[in-house]
Protein backbone atom coordinates (compact mmCIF):
# COMPACT_ATOMS: atom_id res chain seq x y z
CA LYS A 1 1.35 12.43 -12.55
CA GLN A 2 -0.14 10.17 -15.20
CA ILE A 3 1.81 7.21 -13.91
CA ALA A 4 0.77 7.89 -10.31
CA GLN A 5 -2.85 8.18 -11.41
CA PHE A 6 -2.56 4.95 -13.41
CA LEU A 7 -1.16 3.15 -10.37
CA GLU A 8 -3.93 4.42 -8.13
CA GLU A 9 -6.59 3.46 -10.67
CA ASN A 10 -5.09 -0.04 -10.74
CA ILE A 11 -4.41 -0.37 -7.03
CA CYS A 12 -6.17 -3.75 -6.91
CA SER A 13 -4.13 -5.16 -9.78
CA ASN A 14 -0.62 -6.48 -9.88
CA ILE A 15 1.02 -4.02 -12.28
CA THR A 16 4.62 -4.64 -13.33
CA LEU A 17 7.24 -2.08 -14.28
CA GLU A 18 7.31 -3.57 -17.78
CA GLU A 19 3.57 -2.96 -18.17
CA ILE A 20 3.98 0.65 -17.08
CA CYS A 21 6.84 1.23 -19.52
CA LYS A 22 4.82 -0.29 -22.34
CA LYS A 23 1.67 1.69 -21.51
CA PHE A 24 3.50 5.03 -21.41
CA ASN A 25 5.94 4.14 -24.17
CA TYR A 26 9.08 4.95 -22.15
CA GLY A 27 12.21 2.99 -21.43
CA ASN A 28 12.74 1.50 -18.01
CA THR A 29 15.65 3.73 -16.96
CA TYR A 30 14.04 6.95 -18.20
CA ILE A 31 10.66 6.34 -16.60
CA CYS A 32 12.20 5.23 -13.29
CA THR A 33 14.51 8.25 -13.10
CA LEU A 34 11.75 10.70 -13.98
CA PHE A 35 9.29 9.20 -11.50
CA LYS A 36 11.84 9.19 -8.67
CA GLU A 37 12.73 12.84 -9.34
CA GLU A 38 9.05 13.82 -9.20
CA THR A 39 7.91 11.73 -6.23
CA GLY A 40 11.00 10.72 -4.28
CA TYR A 41 9.96 7.07 -4.65
CA SER A 42 10.73 4.33 -7.12
CA ILE A 43 7.65 3.39 -9.14
CA MET A 44 7.15 0.05 -7.46
CA ASN A 45 7.77 1.41 -3.94
CA TYR A 46 5.21 4.13 -4.63
CA TYR A 47 2.71 1.52 -5.86
CA THR A 48 3.31 -0.69 -2.84
CA LYS A 49 3.11 2.28 -0.46
CA LYS A 50 -0.28 3.21 -1.92
CA LYS A 51 -1.48 -0.37 -1.39
CA ILE A 52 -0.27 -0.31 2.21
CA ASP A 53 -1.88 3.09 2.83
CA LEU A 54 -5.19 1.71 1.57
CA SER A 55 -4.80 -1.42 3.68
CA LYS A 56 -4.24 0.76 6.77
CA LYS A 57 -7.49 2.54 5.98
CA PHE A 58 -9.32 -0.77 5.70
CA LEU A 59 -7.84 -1.93 9.01
CA ARG A 60 -8.73 1.36 10.74
CA GLU A 61 -12.29 1.23 9.49
CA GLY A 62 -12.68 -2.50 10.13
CA LEU A 63 -13.88 -2.98 6.56
CA MET A 64 -11.93 -6.17 5.84
CA ASN A 65 -9.81 -8.72 7.60
CA ILE A 66 -6.17 -9.34 6.68
CA THR A 67 -6.94 -12.16 4.24
CA GLN A 68 -9.60 -10.09 2.47
CA ILE A 69 -7.25 -7.11 2.20
CA SER A 70 -4.49 -9.33 0.84
CA ASP A 71 -6.85 -10.73 -1.81
CA TYR A 72 -8.38 -7.36 -2.67
CA LEU A 73 -5.00 -5.69 -3.19
CA ASN A 74 -3.74 -8.68 -5.17
CA PHE A 75 -0.93 -9.83 -2.89
CA CYS A 76 0.05 -13.44 -3.57
CA ASN A 77 -1.02 -14.51 -0.06
CA PRO A 78 -1.76 -13.05 3.41
CA HIS A 79 1.71 -13.95 4.72
CA TYR A 80 3.40 -11.96 1.97
CA PHE A 81 0.98 -9.08 2.55
CA SER A 82 1.91 -9.10 6.26
CA TYR A 83 5.61 -9.17 5.39
CA VAL A 84 5.27 -6.15 3.07
CA PHE A 85 3.01 -4.32 5.54
CA LYS A 86 5.60 -4.78 8.28
CA LYS A 87 8.37 -3.49 5.99
CA PHE A 88 6.46 -0.23 5.43
CA VAL A 89 4.70 0.27 8.78
CA HIS A 90 7.26 -1.38 11.09
CA MET A 91 4.56 -3.51 12.68
CA SER A 92 2.42 -6.39 11.46
CA PRO A 93 -1.19 -5.77 10.40
CA ARG A 94 -2.35 -7.40 13.66
CA GLU A 95 -0.05 -5.19 15.72
CA TYR A 96 -1.36 -2.20 13.78
CA GLN A 97 -4.96 -3.21 14.57
CA GLN A 98 -4.08 -3.69 18.23
CA SER A 99 -2.38 -0.28 18.38
CA LEU A 100 -5.54 1.29 16.97
CA GLN A 101 -7.67 -0.49 19.56
CA SER A 102 -5.41 0.64 22.41
CA ASP A 103 -5.47 4.21 21.04
CA MET A 104 -9.28 4.13 20.99
CA ALA A 105 -9.38 2.71 24.52
CA SER A 106 -7.13 5.48 25.83
CA ILE A 107 -9.28 8.12 24.11
CA LYS A 108 -12.39 6.67 25.78
CA VAL A 109 -10.64 6.71 29.17
CA LYS A 110 -9.65 10.35 28.74
CA ARG A 111 -13.25 11.30 27.89
CA SER A 112 -14.62 9.60 31.01
């Protein structure tokens, strides 16, 4: 739980597994095994998933564009952010935005 909290508190950073091990004073294998048993995710997949979940929120709420989200969440560039986003969501950030817009349009049509 402490590691998950640490990752969420540092969601805008670029934390490495080595930094986590050092901070919590555990070996790599031990900390990875323990975290996976507790969460079902590897540490870095969990961290990336949290970043992608937050980026989906930003896209839903129209708070930032793709470049701003990429910068805010400390991805090396927007292209890499889009690549990672697509790996987790199975669509690009633009496709995700478009799917939200079409969902909103269909909701408006149903209300009319």
